[in-house]
C-alpha atoms as a PDB file:
ATOM      1  CA  MET A   1      41.128  15.362  17.861  1.00  0.00           C
ATOM      2  CA  LYS A   2      37.769  14.791  16.356  1.00  0.00           C
ATOM      3  CA  LYS A   3      35.656  17.545  15.603  1.00  0.00           C
ATOM      4  CA  GLY A   4      32.653  17.557  17.562  1.00  0.00           C
ATOM      5  CA  ILE A   5      32.934  15.344  20.092  1.00  0.00           C
ATOM      6  CA  HIS A   6      34.374  17.599  23.197  1.00  0.00           C
ATOM      7  CA  PRO A   7      32.401  19.898  24.974  1.00  0.00           C
ATOM      8  CA  GLU A   8      32.468  23.159  24.359  1.00  0.00           C
ATOM      9  CA  SER A   9      31.792  24.642  28.078  1.00  0.00           C
ATOM     10  CA  TYR A  10      35.479  23.819  29.406  1.00  0.00           C
ATOM     11  CA  ARG A  11      35.858  25.662  32.871  1.00  0.00           C
ATOM     12  CA  LEU A  12      38.059  26.093  36.624  1.00  0.00           C
ATOM     13  CA  VAL A  13      36.019  23.368  38.510  1.00  0.00           C
ATOM     14  CA  ALA A  14      37.289  22.720  42.239  1.00  0.00           C
ATOM     15  CA  PHE A  15      38.196  18.413  43.031  1.00  0.00           C
ATOM     16  CA  LYS A  16      37.978  18.065  47.045  1.00  0.00           C
ATOM     17  CA  ASP A  17      39.677  14.406  47.967  1.00  0.00           C
ATOM     18  CA  MET A  18      37.324  13.981  50.953  1.00  0.00           C
ATOM     19  CA  SER A  19      39.970  11.588  52.548  1.00  0.00           C
ATOM     20  CA  ASN A  20      41.871  14.400  53.795  1.00  0.00           C
ATOM     21  CA  ASP A  21      39.661  17.510  52.067  1.00  0.00           C
ATOM     22  CA  GLN A  22      42.596  18.905  49.818  1.00  0.00           C
ATOM     23  CA  VAL A  23      40.980  21.188  47.315  1.00  0.00           C
ATOM     24  CA  PHE A  24      43.770  21.477  43.522  1.00  0.00           C
ATOM     25  CA  ILE A  25      41.119  23.443  40.326  1.00  0.00           C
ATOM     26  CA  SER A  26      41.910  22.839  37.209  1.00  0.00           C
ATOM     27  CA  ARG A  27      40.009  23.006  34.096  1.00  0.00           C
ATOM     28  CA  SER A  28      36.868  20.148  32.864  1.00  0.00           C
ATOM     29  CA  ALA A  29      33.524  19.736  31.748  1.00  0.00           C
ATOM     30  CA  ALA A  30      32.541  17.853  34.953  1.00  0.00           C
ATOM     31  CA  PRO A  31      28.630  18.410  35.803  1.00  0.00           C
ATOM     32  CA  ALA A  32      28.818  20.048  40.014  1.00  0.00           C
ATOM     33  CA  LYS A  33      25.452  20.303  41.490  1.00  0.00           C
ATOM     34  CA  GLU A  34      27.574  22.511  44.821  1.00  0.00           C
ATOM     35  CA  THR A  35      30.275  25.530  45.347  1.00  0.00           C
ATOM     36  CA  ILE A  36      32.692  25.936  47.055  1.00  0.00           C
ATOM     37  CA  GLU A  37      35.260  29.371  48.112  1.00  0.00           C
ATOM     38  CA  VAL A  38      38.905  28.867  47.638  1.00  0.00           C
ATOM     39  CA  ASP A  39      41.044  32.184  47.546  1.00  0.00           C
ATOM     40  CA  GLY A  40      38.057  33.955  47.405  1.00  0.00           C
ATOM     41  CA  VAL A  41      37.021  32.165  44.188  1.00  0.00           C
ATOM     42  CA  GLU A  42      33.808  30.483  44.513  1.00  0.00           C
ATOM     43  CA  TYR A  43      33.768  27.101  41.755  1.00  0.00           C
ATOM     44  CA  PRO A  44      32.394  23.952  41.401  1.00  0.00           C
ATOM     45  CA  VAL A  45      32.912  21.552  42.977  1.00  0.00           C
ATOM     46  CA  VAL A  46      33.829  17.385  42.360  1.00  0.00           C
ATOM     47  CA  LYS A  47      33.854  15.763  45.254  1.00  0.00           C
ATOM     48  CA  LEU A  48      36.785  12.391  44.543  1.00  0.00           C
ATOM     49  CA  GLU A  49      37.301   9.101  46.975  1.00  0.00           C
ATOM     50  CA  VAL A  50      40.864   8.958  45.771  1.00  0.00           C
ATOM     51  CA  SER A  51      43.194  11.624  44.037  1.00  0.00           C
ATOM     52  CA  SER A  52      46.692  12.249  43.996  1.00  0.00           C
ATOM     53  CA  TYR A  53      46.424  13.140  47.240  1.00  0.00           C
ATOM     54  CA  SER A  54      46.213  10.427  49.396  1.00  0.00           C
ATOM     55  CA  HIS A  55      46.334   7.889  46.331  1.00  0.00           C
ATOM     56  CA  PRO A  56      49.598   4.819  47.190  1.00  0.00           C
ATOM     57  CA  PHE A  57      51.316   4.856  44.550  1.00  0.00           C
ATOM     58  CA  TYR A  58      51.587   9.366  44.282  1.00  0.00           C
ATOM     59  CA  THR A  59      52.237   9.969  48.559  1.00  0.00           C
ATOM     60  CA  GLY A  60      54.123   6.224  48.860  1.00  0.00           C
ATOM     61  CA  LYS A  61      52.000   5.976  52.021  1.00  0.00           C
ATOM     62  CA  MET A  62      49.565   2.567  51.642  1.00  0.00           C
ATOM     63  CA  LYS A  63      46.559   3.930  53.660  1.00  0.00           C
ATOM     64  CA  PHE A  64      43.655   1.850  53.984  1.00  0.00           C
ATOM     65  CA  VAL A  65      40.552   4.263  53.096  1.00  0.00           C
ATOM     66  CA  ASP A  66      37.021   3.020  53.297  1.00  0.00           C
ATOM     67  CA  THR A  67      34.759   5.372  53.134  1.00  0.00           C
ATOM     68  CA  ALA A  68      31.727   2.622  51.565  1.00  0.00           C
ATOM     69  CA  GLY A  69      32.357   0.240  54.378  1.00  0.00           C
ATOM     70  CA  ARG A  70      33.370  -2.752  51.072  1.00  0.00           C
ATOM     71  CA  VAL A  71      35.247  -4.431  53.940  1.00  0.00           C
ATOM     72  CA  ASP A  72      31.487  -4.869  55.972  1.00  0.00           C
ATOM     73  CA  LYS A  73      28.950  -5.421  52.694  1.00  0.00           C
ATOM     74  CA  PHE A  74      31.991  -7.640  51.550  1.00  0.00           C
ATOM     75  CA  ARG A  75      31.657  -9.598  55.000  1.00  0.00           C
ATOM     76  CA  ASN A  76      27.777 -10.190  55.081  1.00  0.00           C
ATOM     77  CA  LYS A  77      27.673 -10.832  51.727  1.00  0.00           C
ATOM     78  CA  TYR A  78      28.942 -14.513  52.305  1.00  0.00           C
ATOM     79  CA  LYS A  79      28.827 -14.487  55.735  1.00  0.00           C
ATOM     80  CA  ALA A  80      27.604 -17.903  55.622  1.00  0.00           C
ATOM     81  CA  HIS A  81      30.860 -19.077  53.183  1.00  0.00           C
ATOM     82  CA  LEU A  82      32.991 -17.708  56.435  1.00  0.00           C
ATOM     83  CA  GLU A  83      31.870 -19.080  58.915  1.00  0.00           C
ATOM     84  CA  LYS A  84      31.861 -22.627  57.843  1.00  0.00           C
ATOM     85  CA  LYS A  85      35.575 -22.043  57.502  1.00  0.00           C
END
């Protein structure tokens, strides 16, 4: 590894998959404003929309996750074009 480019502040962080509420602990330097208690220990929490617990490649199941309303945003943006057809 190159010296001086990697953070020194690795710590245990809880990553929470928001689509299914799964939590896993890993070392990270990711910033976190909130904390969560896991097995009686408090960790900083980083919220994820997709993780290995919910991604179709790892689960083998196709699951539609639209937490940000992407389909609605697309339809509103191209509404005039879609109505012409």
